[in-house]
């Protein structure tokens, strides 16, 4: 066995302090995905952003982040995860300052793209640092329980924080709030994190892979984003999807042939990791759609303020924290991951099923709150082993890019969820109005009709979300076959290039 495969007898004594700063950085990135949504109407008015271009405040970030994640993961493997992590934090803070100080449309869109770029460096570096710093089974379970709770609940936290900042301060603070997060996390990481040795991948950068993956993912994310606003039959939308298929197919062919691939296919073809990426991506489709629908339902139909809307998501956050840190963490080393993930997704689907009963006068305490609790418990229980399993058993040199694939599946899932479910909802709303418009003869009746049509659209889309979560559960049950994550090495079927490689993870020499 090579020297780098020798177990470390002394785990990093500062690893738990390091987790605090890694978790803080992850929270900043995840909540940024939703915090800007709340502030967008105010920012649009102040900066004179046109109605047609307002979507680019969201899209510019999504395209840069989703398109560059694999590149960011590879940079973390090549350059060092700690250095990439700190660089990503400093860059994200600078881009946030630029966005908060924006004086016009171009400056805002440029800042959002820069946030996406540095987020693509930061996110995979954070997850891969956890993968290589926490190697003992029970400690790994606790660390990933905390990380999974933040990854799942950060979006809802963003809704609360965004509502508070927008209502009581100014939309610019939804950007400025990132700066103290980033500074504290970067300073803490610099002084506390000690990256294990022997895990770098110093192979030359796969430039064709970088170009093909970035363009392919950008085309895919933009295709779904454009479909939401322009429709699925739009010429440019179709062209984006076709281009994405061609580019990503060329990427796979390239990775199979080049000597030092950006994304080694062994990362994807290992059955358990492939099952995690697929089931997680599908589950996120449902989550992003629900955030969108519930936000509009609570504000427009129920008349909640932005702050009250944010606090209305607290049961989901609570459920995710309990599911991730109490259920997932305690059981991950005792039962197989599929026995947590599949039931977790099914419980979340049951919570979604309750929400198909929404009406204009639905009780928050009687239906929405228990549905959110079930959804949060289910997702937290499923996310926690998924986050851990996505990097469990991977070779040290691939930890960054394997982590990037988790974020990529979530980012693409989010783009698909927002576009697909919103399109379904809009079509159902239009059909409802056409069927009932004859009976709405007074302004009051027309107002009620509009609210009922909106809710009918949401419930149609939520039925699809239920089905998608059930499919996620089936995929987790069928594809994920590994035993409880008790610290045992991955099997050599992982695609390791030699026998020693198969036993190097999760133990990494210090």
Protein backbone atom coordinates (compact mmCIF):
# COMPACT_ATOMS: atom_id res chain seq x y z
CA UNK A 1 0.00 0.00 0.00
CA UNK A 2 1.33 3.48 -0.80
CA UNK A 3 2.34 5.89 1.95
CA UNK A 4 -0.69 8.13 1.34
CA UNK A 5 -2.99 5.26 2.18
CA UNK A 6 -1.70 4.98 5.75
CA UNK A 7 -4.43 5.94 8.22
CA UNK A 8 -3.98 9.15 10.12
CA UNK A 9 -3.75 8.41 13.85
CA UNK A 10 -4.39 12.01 14.90
CA UNK A 11 -7.45 13.65 13.40
CA UNK A 12 -7.22 17.41 12.98
CA UNK A 13 -8.02 18.86 16.45
CA UNK A 14 -9.52 21.97 14.85
CA UNK A 15 -11.91 20.13 12.52
CA UNK A 16 -15.05 21.09 14.48
CA UNK A 17 -14.06 24.75 14.50
CA UNK A 18 -13.46 24.44 10.78
CA UNK A 19 -16.97 23.06 10.35
CA UNK A 20 -18.41 26.29 11.79
CA UNK A 21 -16.79 28.40 9.06
CA UNK A 22 -17.57 25.90 6.29
CA UNK A 23 -21.22 25.82 7.39
CA UNK A 24 -21.35 29.62 7.53
CA UNK A 25 -20.05 29.88 3.97
CA UNK A 26 -22.52 27.25 2.74
CA UNK A 27 -25.39 29.12 4.40
CA UNK A 28 -24.35 32.32 2.63
CA UNK A 29 -24.32 30.66 -0.80
CA UNK A 30 -27.60 28.78 -0.33
CA UNK A 31 -29.62 31.66 1.10
CA UNK A 32 -28.38 33.95 -1.68
CA UNK A 33 -30.38 31.81 -4.11
CA UNK A 34 -33.66 32.99 -2.53
CA UNK A 35 -32.85 36.22 -0.65
CA UNK A 36 -32.60 38.22 -3.88
CA UNK A 37 -36.03 37.00 -5.06
CA UNK A 38 -37.70 38.92 -2.23
CA UNK A 39 -35.72 42.10 -2.99
CA UNK A 40 -36.08 41.96 -6.79
CA UNK A 41 -39.20 44.17 -7.18
CA UNK A 42 -37.60 47.00 -5.14
CA UNK A 43 -34.24 46.70 -6.91
CA UNK A 44 -35.94 46.67 -10.31
CA UNK A 45 -37.73 49.93 -9.56
CA UNK A 46 -34.66 51.70 -8.11
CA UNK A 47 -32.28 50.69 -10.91
CA UNK A 48 -34.72 51.08 -13.78
CA UNK A 49 -34.39 47.44 -14.87
CA UNK A 50 -36.87 46.67 -17.64
CA UNK A 51 -39.59 44.06 -17.19
CA UNK A 52 -37.98 41.93 -19.90
CA UNK A 53 -34.56 42.01 -18.26
CA UNK A 54 -35.53 41.54 -14.59
CA UNK A 55 -35.17 37.75 -14.88
CA UNK A 56 -31.47 38.25 -15.63
CA UNK A 57 -30.86 39.32 -12.04
CA UNK A 58 -31.63 35.69 -11.15
CA UNK A 59 -30.47 34.08 -14.40
CA UNK A 60 -27.01 35.72 -14.49
CA UNK A 61 -26.20 34.13 -11.12
CA UNK A 62 -27.70 30.75 -12.03
CA UNK A 63 -25.84 30.52 -15.35
CA UNK A 64 -22.43 31.38 -13.90
CA UNK A 65 -22.90 29.19 -10.83
CA UNK A 66 -24.38 26.17 -12.62
CA UNK A 67 -22.10 26.39 -15.63
CA UNK A 68 -18.81 26.71 -13.73
CA UNK A 69 -19.37 24.26 -10.84
CA UNK A 70 -17.43 21.37 -12.37
CA UNK A 71 -14.59 23.74 -13.22
CA UNK A 72 -14.67 25.05 -9.64
CA UNK A 73 -14.54 21.52 -8.25
CA UNK A 74 -11.53 20.67 -10.41
CA UNK A 75 -9.76 23.89 -9.39
CA UNK A 76 -10.27 22.88 -5.74
CA UNK A 77 -8.62 19.50 -6.44
CA UNK A 78 -5.78 21.13 -8.36
CA UNK A 79 -5.12 24.31 -6.40
CA UNK A 80 -6.03 23.12 -2.91
CA UNK A 81 -9.44 23.17 -1.24
CA UNK A 82 -8.58 25.64 1.51
CA UNK A 83 -7.06 28.15 -0.92
CA UNK A 84 -10.00 27.80 -3.32
CA UNK A 85 -12.47 28.14 -0.44
CA UNK A 86 -10.92 31.36 0.88
CA UNK A 87 -10.57 32.83 -2.63
CA UNK A 88 -14.20 32.04 -3.34
CA UNK A 89 -15.30 33.76 -0.11
CA UNK A 90 -13.29 36.93 -0.76
CA UNK A 91 -14.52 37.10 -4.36
CA UNK A 92 -18.13 36.50 -3.30
CA UNK A 93 -17.89 39.33 -0.75
CA UNK A 94 -16.47 41.72 -3.37
CA UNK A 95 -19.18 40.78 -5.88
CA UNK A 96 -21.87 41.27 -3.20
CA UNK A 97 -20.49 44.73 -2.40
CA UNK A 98 -20.64 45.56 -6.10
CA UNK A 99 -24.26 44.37 -6.30
CA UNK A 100 -25.30 46.34 -3.21
CA UNK A 101 -23.71 49.49 -4.61
CA UNK A 102 -25.14 48.99 -8.12
CA UNK A 103 -26.22 52.20 -9.86
CA UNK A 104 -27.73 50.61 -12.94
CA UNK A 105 -28.80 47.45 -14.73
CA UNK A 106 -25.40 46.52 -16.20
CA UNK A 107 -23.61 46.86 -12.87
CA UNK A 108 -26.21 44.71 -11.14
CA UNK A 109 -26.11 41.94 -13.76
CA UNK A 110 -22.29 41.94 -13.75
CA UNK A 111 -22.24 41.64 -9.96
CA UNK A 112 -24.68 38.71 -10.04
CA UNK A 113 -22.56 36.89 -12.64
CA UNK A 114 -19.45 37.42 -10.48
CA UNK A 115 -21.31 36.09 -7.44
CA UNK A 116 -22.13 32.96 -9.45
CA UNK A 117 -18.51 32.56 -10.56
CA UNK A 118 -17.07 32.77 -7.04
CA UNK A 119 -19.93 30.66 -5.68
CA UNK A 120 -18.89 27.95 -8.14
CA UNK A 121 -15.41 27.99 -6.57
CA UNK A 122 -16.69 28.13 -3.01
CA UNK A 123 -19.46 25.49 -2.92
CA UNK A 124 -17.54 22.39 -4.09
CA UNK A 125 -14.48 23.40 -2.05
CA UNK A 126 -16.64 23.54 1.11
CA UNK A 127 -18.16 20.09 0.65
CA UNK A 128 -14.88 18.45 -0.36
CA UNK A 129 -13.17 19.93 2.74
CA UNK A 130 -15.74 18.14 4.88
CA UNK A 131 -15.16 14.94 2.91
CA UNK A 132 -11.43 14.89 3.60
CA UNK A 133 -11.43 16.34 7.16
CA UNK A 134 -14.13 14.10 8.70
CA UNK A 135 -13.23 10.47 8.09
CA UNK A 136 -14.46 8.71 11.26
CA UNK A 137 -17.98 7.39 10.71
CA UNK A 138 -19.85 8.96 13.65
CA UNK A 139 -18.08 12.30 13.33
CA UNK A 140 -18.72 12.30 9.60
CA UNK A 141 -22.41 11.67 10.27
CA UNK A 142 -22.64 14.66 12.63
CA UNK A 143 -20.71 16.96 10.29
CA UNK A 144 -22.80 16.07 7.27
CA UNK A 145 -25.96 16.30 9.35
CA UNK A 146 -25.21 19.96 10.05
CA UNK A 147 -24.17 20.58 6.45
CA UNK A 148 -27.26 18.81 5.09
CA UNK A 149 -29.58 20.86 7.31
CA UNK A 150 -28.03 24.07 6.01
CA UNK A 151 -28.07 22.92 2.39
CA UNK A 152 -31.75 22.02 2.69
CA UNK A 153 -32.99 24.86 4.87
CA UNK A 154 -30.82 27.75 3.69
CA UNK A 155 -33.26 28.68 0.96
CA UNK A 156 -36.07 29.14 3.44
CA UNK A 157 -33.76 31.16 5.73
CA UNK A 158 -33.13 33.40 2.72
CA UNK A 159 -36.85 34.09 2.42
CA UNK A 160 -37.02 35.21 6.07
CA UNK A 161 -33.87 37.33 5.92
CA UNK A 162 -34.77 38.78 2.52
CA UNK A 163 -38.22 39.77 3.76
CA UNK A 164 -36.85 41.42 6.89
CA UNK A 165 -34.09 43.34 5.10
CA UNK A 166 -36.35 44.49 2.27
CA UNK A 167 -39.23 45.56 4.51
CA UNK A 168 -37.28 47.27 7.30
CA UNK A 169 -34.00 48.38 5.68
CA UNK A 170 -33.34 48.42 1.94
CA UNK A 171 -32.98 45.89 -0.89
CA UNK A 172 -29.25 46.69 -1.05
CA UNK A 173 -28.78 44.97 2.31
CA UNK A 174 -29.72 41.63 0.73
CA UNK A 175 -26.30 41.96 -0.94
CA UNK A 176 -24.36 43.73 1.84
CA UNK A 177 -25.38 41.06 4.38
CA UNK A 178 -23.10 38.59 2.55
CA UNK A 179 -19.98 40.65 3.36
CA UNK A 180 -19.74 39.94 7.13
CA UNK A 181 -20.65 36.29 6.47
CA UNK A 182 -17.79 36.00 3.95
CA UNK A 183 -15.21 37.92 5.98
CA UNK A 184 -15.79 35.88 9.15
CA UNK A 185 -15.80 32.58 7.22
CA UNK A 186 -12.65 33.48 5.22
CA UNK A 187 -10.70 34.63 8.31
CA UNK A 188 -11.77 31.57 10.27
CA UNK A 189 -10.93 29.22 7.42
CA UNK A 190 -7.50 30.78 6.92
CA UNK A 191 -6.50 30.33 10.56
CA UNK A 192 -8.35 27.13 11.45
CA UNK A 193 -8.60 24.82 8.43
CA UNK A 194 -5.69 22.46 7.90
CA UNK A 195 -6.25 20.56 4.71
CA UNK A 196 -5.01 16.93 4.80
CA UNK A 197 -2.03 16.22 2.60
CA UNK A 198 -1.97 13.80 -0.29
CA UNK A 199 -5.34 14.68 -1.77
CA UNK A 200 -4.35 17.09 -4.54
CA UNK A 201 -4.89 16.30 -8.19
CA UNK A 202 -2.02 18.05 -9.97
CA UNK A 203 -2.84 16.70 -13.42
CA UNK A 204 -3.01 19.26 -16.26
CA UNK A 205 -6.36 21.01 -16.61
CA UNK A 206 -8.69 19.43 -19.18
CA UNK A 207 -9.42 22.57 -21.26
CA UNK A 208 -11.78 20.86 -23.80
CA UNK A 209 -13.70 19.38 -20.86
CA UNK A 210 -13.97 22.78 -19.16
CA UNK A 211 -15.29 24.45 -22.33
CA UNK A 212 -17.76 21.68 -23.23
CA UNK A 213 -19.13 21.22 -19.70
CA UNK A 214 -19.48 24.95 -19.05
CA UNK A 215 -21.22 25.68 -22.36
CA UNK A 216 -23.40 22.56 -22.04
CA UNK A 217 -24.56 23.37 -18.52
CA UNK A 218 -25.10 27.05 -19.34
CA UNK A 219 -27.22 26.06 -22.36
CA UNK A 220 -29.23 23.62 -20.21
CA UNK A 221 -29.89 26.08 -17.36
CA UNK A 222 -30.69 28.92 -19.77
CA UNK A 223 -33.00 26.66 -21.80
CA UNK A 224 -35.15 25.94 -18.75
CA UNK A 225 -34.99 29.55 -17.57
CA UNK A 226 -36.10 30.83 -20.98
CA UNK A 227 -38.85 28.20 -21.23
CA UNK A 228 -40.43 29.73 -18.13
CA UNK A 229 -40.76 33.16 -19.72
CA UNK A 230 -40.95 32.44 -23.47
CA UNK A 231 -42.54 28.99 -23.61
CA UNK A 232 -41.33 25.50 -24.51
CA UNK A 233 -41.93 25.95 -28.23
CA UNK A 234 -39.80 29.09 -28.49
CA UNK A 235 -37.08 28.70 -31.13
CA UNK A 236 -34.26 29.84 -28.87
CA UNK A 237 -35.48 27.57 -26.05
CA UNK A 238 -35.41 24.54 -28.35
CA UNK A 239 -31.99 25.58 -29.72
CA UNK A 240 -30.63 25.77 -26.16
CA UNK A 241 -31.85 22.26 -25.32
CA UNK A 242 -30.45 20.79 -28.55
CA UNK A 243 -27.13 22.57 -28.00
CA UNK A 244 -26.99 21.31 -24.43
CA UNK A 245 -27.54 17.69 -25.47
CA UNK A 246 -24.85 17.92 -28.17
CA UNK A 247 -22.32 19.69 -25.93
CA UNK A 248 -22.81 17.41 -22.92
CA UNK A 249 -22.65 14.29 -25.12
CA UNK A 250 -19.38 15.59 -26.58
CA UNK A 251 -18.19 16.25 -23.01
CA UNK A 252 -18.86 12.63 -21.98
CA UNK A 253 -17.03 11.31 -25.06
CA UNK A 254 -14.10 13.63 -24.35
CA UNK A 255 -13.88 12.60 -20.70
CA UNK A 256 -13.77 8.94 -21.70
CA UNK A 257 -10.78 9.56 -23.98
CA UNK A 258 -8.56 12.23 -22.44
CA UNK A 259 -5.78 11.21 -20.07
CA UNK A 260 -6.65 13.70 -17.31
CA UNK A 261 -10.42 14.34 -17.48
CA UNK A 262 -12.18 17.23 -15.78
CA UNK A 263 -14.87 14.81 -14.55
CA UNK A 264 -13.50 11.25 -14.39
CA UNK A 265 -16.37 8.99 -15.40
CA UNK A 266 -15.55 6.75 -12.42
CA UNK A 267 -17.15 9.47 -10.25
CA UNK A 268 -20.45 9.17 -12.14
CA UNK A 269 -20.58 5.49 -12.99
CA UNK A 270 -20.25 4.25 -9.41
CA UNK A 271 -23.82 3.13 -8.76
CA UNK A 272 -24.37 4.73 -5.36
CA UNK A 273 -23.03 8.18 -6.26
CA UNK A 274 -24.96 8.15 -9.53
CA UNK A 275 -28.12 7.34 -7.58
CA UNK A 276 -27.45 10.22 -5.16
CA UNK A 277 -26.90 12.78 -7.93
CA UNK A 278 -30.05 11.71 -9.78
CA UNK A 279 -32.40 11.41 -6.79
CA UNK A 280 -31.14 14.65 -5.23
CA UNK A 281 -31.52 16.60 -8.48
CA UNK A 282 -35.10 15.39 -8.89
CA UNK A 283 -35.98 16.18 -5.25
CA UNK A 284 -34.68 19.74 -5.65
CA UNK A 285 -37.06 20.22 -8.60
CA UNK A 286 -39.94 19.80 -6.16
CA UNK A 287 -38.39 21.99 -3.45
CA UNK A 288 -37.68 25.00 -5.66
CA UNK A 289 -41.15 24.86 -7.17
CA UNK A 290 -42.71 24.78 -3.70
CA UNK A 291 -40.72 27.79 -2.45
CA UNK A 292 -41.99 29.76 -5.43
CA UNK A 293 -45.65 28.71 -5.11
CA UNK A 294 -45.92 29.08 -1.34
CA UNK A 295 -44.26 32.51 -1.44
CA UNK A 296 -46.80 33.80 -3.97
CA UNK A 297 -49.71 32.02 -2.30
CA UNK A 298 -48.97 33.49 1.12
CA UNK A 299 -48.31 37.02 -0.15
CA UNK A 300 -50.91 37.38 -2.91
CA UNK A 301 -53.74 35.06 -1.86
CA UNK A 302 -53.39 35.27 1.94
CA UNK A 303 -52.05 38.86 2.03
CA UNK A 304 -48.95 38.12 4.16
CA UNK A 305 -46.15 40.71 4.34
CA UNK A 306 -42.65 39.68 3.15
CA UNK A 307 -41.50 39.22 6.75
CA UNK A 308 -44.57 37.21 7.76
CA UNK A 309 -44.13 35.08 4.62
CA UNK A 310 -40.55 34.34 5.59
CA UNK A 311 -41.52 33.31 9.11
CA UNK A 312 -44.28 31.11 7.68
CA UNK A 313 -41.50 28.86 6.34
CA UNK A 314 -40.05 28.23 9.83
CA UNK A 315 -41.80 24.84 10.26
CA UNK A 316 -40.00 23.58 7.15
CA UNK A 317 -36.64 24.79 8.48
CA UNK A 318 -37.33 23.21 11.86
CA UNK A 319 -38.27 19.92 10.19
CA UNK A 320 -35.10 19.93 8.10
CA UNK A 321 -32.88 20.57 11.10
CA UNK A 322 -34.53 17.77 13.11
CA UNK A 323 -34.54 15.36 10.15
CA UNK A 324 -30.91 16.02 9.32
CA UNK A 325 -29.25 16.34 12.73
CA UNK A 326 -31.44 14.05 14.85
CA UNK A 327 -32.76 11.35 12.51
CA UNK A 328 -30.18 11.19 9.72
CA UNK A 329 -27.13 11.70 11.91
CA UNK A 330 -28.18 9.13 14.51
CA UNK A 331 -29.14 6.44 12.00
CA UNK A 332 -26.59 6.91 9.21
CA UNK A 333 -24.00 4.65 10.82
CA UNK A 334 -26.62 2.02 11.71
CA UNK A 335 -28.80 1.59 8.61
CA UNK A 336 -28.20 1.64 4.87
CA UNK A 337 -28.53 5.10 3.24
CA UNK A 338 -31.43 3.95 1.03
CA UNK A 339 -33.43 3.18 4.21
CA UNK A 340 -33.13 6.86 5.12
CA UNK A 341 -33.32 8.44 1.68
CA UNK A 342 -36.27 6.53 0.21
CA UNK A 343 -38.56 6.93 3.27
CA UNK A 344 -37.40 10.55 3.59
CA UNK A 345 -38.44 11.37 0.04
CA UNK A 346 -41.76 9.54 0.55
CA UNK A 347 -42.48 11.51 3.74
CA UNK A 348 -41.71 14.72 1.83
CA UNK A 349 -44.06 13.53 -0.93
CA UNK A 350 -46.78 13.01 1.70
CA UNK A 351 -46.26 16.59 2.87
CA UNK A 352 -46.55 17.76 -0.74
CA UNK A 353 -49.71 15.68 -1.10
CA UNK A 354 -51.32 17.65 1.73
CA UNK A 355 -50.56 20.88 -0.15
CA UNK A 356 -52.56 19.69 -3.17
CA UNK A 357 -55.60 20.50 -0.96
CA UNK A 358 -54.79 24.23 -0.91
CA UNK A 359 -57.69 26.62 -1.40
CA UNK A 360 -58.06 30.38 -1.04
CA UNK A 361 -59.24 30.01 2.57
CA UNK A 362 -56.95 27.16 3.68
CA UNK A 363 -55.88 27.29 7.33
CA UNK A 364 -52.16 27.82 7.87
CA UNK A 365 -52.11 25.94 11.18
CA UNK A 366 -54.47 23.21 9.96
CA UNK A 367 -52.77 22.28 6.68
CA UNK A 368 -49.80 24.39 5.57
CA UNK A 369 -47.80 24.08 8.81
CA UNK A 370 -48.10 20.27 9.18
CA UNK A 371 -47.36 19.84 5.46
CA UNK A 372 -44.18 21.90 5.84
CA UNK A 373 -43.12 19.93 8.92
CA UNK A 374 -43.49 16.64 7.02
CA UNK A 375 -41.69 18.05 4.01
CA UNK A 376 -38.83 19.36 6.13
CA UNK A 377 -38.47 16.14 8.16
CA UNK A 378 -38.46 14.04 5.00
CA UNK A 379 -36.01 16.22 3.09
CA UNK A 380 -33.68 16.62 6.07
CA UNK A 381 -33.59 12.88 6.65
CA UNK A 382 -32.87 12.22 2.96
CA UNK A 383 -30.43 15.10 2.32
CA UNK A 384 -28.09 14.20 5.15
CA UNK A 385 -26.99 10.71 3.97
CA UNK A 386 -27.11 11.93 0.35
CA UNK A 387 -24.57 14.69 1.03
CA UNK A 388 -22.27 12.25 2.80
CA UNK A 389 -22.65 9.41 0.31
CA UNK A 390 -21.91 11.71 -2.63
CA UNK A 391 -18.28 11.94 -1.51
CA UNK A 392 -17.96 8.71 0.50
CA UNK A 393 -15.53 6.26 -1.07
CA UNK A 394 -14.26 8.72 -3.68
CA UNK A 395 -10.53 9.03 -4.33
CA UNK A 396 -8.89 12.09 -2.69
CA UNK A 397 -7.94 13.56 -6.08
CA UNK A 398 -11.62 13.49 -7.15
CA UNK A 399 -13.18 14.92 -3.96
CA UNK A 400 -13.62 18.41 -5.37
CA UNK A 401 -15.25 17.40 -8.62
CA UNK A 402 -17.46 14.82 -6.85
CA UNK A 403 -18.62 17.61 -4.52
CA UNK A 404 -19.23 19.84 -7.52
CA UNK A 405 -21.55 17.21 -8.99
CA UNK A 406 -23.77 17.44 -5.88
CA UNK A 407 -24.09 21.18 -6.35
CA UNK A 408 -24.57 20.78 -10.11
CA UNK A 409 -27.44 18.33 -9.64
CA UNK A 410 -29.07 20.77 -7.20
CA UNK A 411 -28.53 23.81 -9.43
CA UNK A 412 -29.85 22.12 -12.57
CA UNK A 413 -32.71 20.65 -10.54
CA UNK A 414 -33.58 24.11 -9.25
CA UNK A 415 -33.61 25.59 -12.76
CA UNK A 416 -35.76 22.75 -14.06
CA UNK A 417 -38.12 22.94 -11.08
CA UNK A 418 -38.74 26.67 -11.37
CA UNK A 419 -39.37 26.51 -15.12
CA UNK A 420 -41.26 23.21 -15.38
CA UNK A 421 -43.59 23.60 -12.41
CA UNK A 422 -44.22 27.30 -13.09
CA UNK A 423 -45.20 26.47 -16.68
CA UNK A 424 -47.58 23.73 -15.49
CA UNK A 425 -49.10 26.13 -12.95
CA UNK A 426 -49.54 28.92 -15.50
CA UNK A 427 -51.27 26.59 -18.00
CA UNK A 428 -53.66 25.27 -15.35
CA UNK A 429 -54.45 28.81 -14.17
CA UNK A 430 -55.29 29.92 -17.71
CA UNK A 431 -57.51 26.88 -18.26
CA UNK A 432 -59.36 27.51 -14.97
CA UNK A 433 -60.09 31.11 -15.89
CA UNK A 434 -61.36 30.11 -19.33
CA UNK A 435 -63.70 27.54 -17.78
CA UNK A 436 -65.13 29.86 -15.10
CA UNK A 437 -64.91 33.39 -16.54
CA UNK A 438 -68.57 33.40 -17.65
CA UNK A 439 -69.74 33.29 -14.03
CA UNK A 440 -67.55 36.19 -12.86
CA UNK A 441 -69.70 39.21 -13.77
CA UNK A 442 -68.69 41.64 -11.01
CA UNK A 443 -65.26 43.05 -10.00
CA UNK A 444 -65.44 41.19 -6.67
CA UNK A 445 -66.24 37.91 -8.43
CA UNK A 446 -63.41 38.46 -10.89
CA UNK A 447 -60.98 39.04 -8.02
CA UNK A 448 -62.06 35.79 -6.36
CA UNK A 449 -61.79 34.00 -9.70
CA UNK A 450 -58.22 35.22 -10.18
CA UNK A 451 -57.25 33.94 -6.70
CA UNK A 452 -58.95 30.58 -7.21
CA UNK A 453 -57.32 30.19 -10.64
CA UNK A 454 -53.89 30.92 -9.15
CA UNK A 455 -54.36 28.33 -6.40
CA UNK A 456 -55.69 25.79 -8.91
CA UNK A 457 -52.51 26.28 -10.95
CA UNK A 458 -50.35 25.74 -7.88
CA UNK A 459 -52.14 22.55 -6.85
CA UNK A 460 -51.82 21.11 -10.38
CA UNK A 461 -48.07 21.75 -10.28
CA UNK A 462 -47.75 20.38 -6.73
CA UNK A 463 -49.28 17.07 -7.92
CA UNK A 464 -46.34 16.84 -10.34
CA UNK A 465 -43.96 17.60 -7.47
CA UNK A 466 -45.49 14.71 -5.50
CA UNK A 467 -44.83 12.36 -8.42
CA UNK A 468 -41.26 13.59 -8.82
CA UNK A 469 -40.52 12.94 -5.13
CA UNK A 470 -41.93 9.42 -5.43
CA UNK A 471 -39.59 8.83 -8.39
CA UNK A 472 -36.68 10.14 -6.25
CA UNK A 473 -37.60 7.61 -3.57
CA UNK A 474 -37.69 4.75 -6.10
CA UNK A 475 -34.30 5.74 -7.54
CA UNK A 476 -32.78 5.90 -4.03
CA UNK A 477 -34.23 2.49 -3.13
CA UNK A 478 -33.08 0.79 -6.35
CA UNK A 479 -29.72 2.38 -7.21
CA UNK A 480 -28.24 3.00 -3.75
CA UNK A 481 -27.12 -0.37 -2.46
CA UNK A 482 -24.26 0.46 -0.08
CA UNK A 483 -24.44 -0.55 3.58
CA UNK A 484 -24.45 1.80 6.58
CA UNK A 485 -21.66 4.37 6.35
CA UNK A 486 -19.54 2.91 9.09
CA UNK A 487 -16.23 4.10 7.75
CA UNK A 488 -15.54 1.09 5.57
CA UNK A 489 -13.67 1.79 2.36
CA UNK A 490 -15.40 1.81 -0.97
CA UNK A 491 -15.33 -1.32 -3.05
CA UNK A 492 -12.84 -1.55 -5.88
CA UNK A 493 -15.71 -1.49 -8.31
CA UNK A 494 -15.56 2.25 -7.89
CA UNK A 495 -13.32 2.37 -10.88
CA UNK A 496 -10.04 2.88 -9.06
CA UNK A 497 -7.03 2.65 -11.27
CA UNK A 498 -5.11 0.30 -9.01
CA UNK A 499 -5.83 -1.78 -5.91
CA UNK A 500 -4.34 0.79 -3.56
CA UNK A 501 -6.63 3.54 -4.85
CA UNK A 502 -9.70 1.61 -3.73
CA UNK A 503 -8.76 1.87 -0.06
CA UNK A 504 -7.48 5.45 0.18
CA UNK A 505 -10.81 6.96 1.14
CA UNK A 506 -12.24 7.94 3.48
CA UNK A 507 -8.84 7.85 5.25
CA UNK A 508 -6.39 10.51 4.08
CA UNK A 509 -2.90 10.97 5.46
CA UNK A 510 -2.14 14.16 7.37
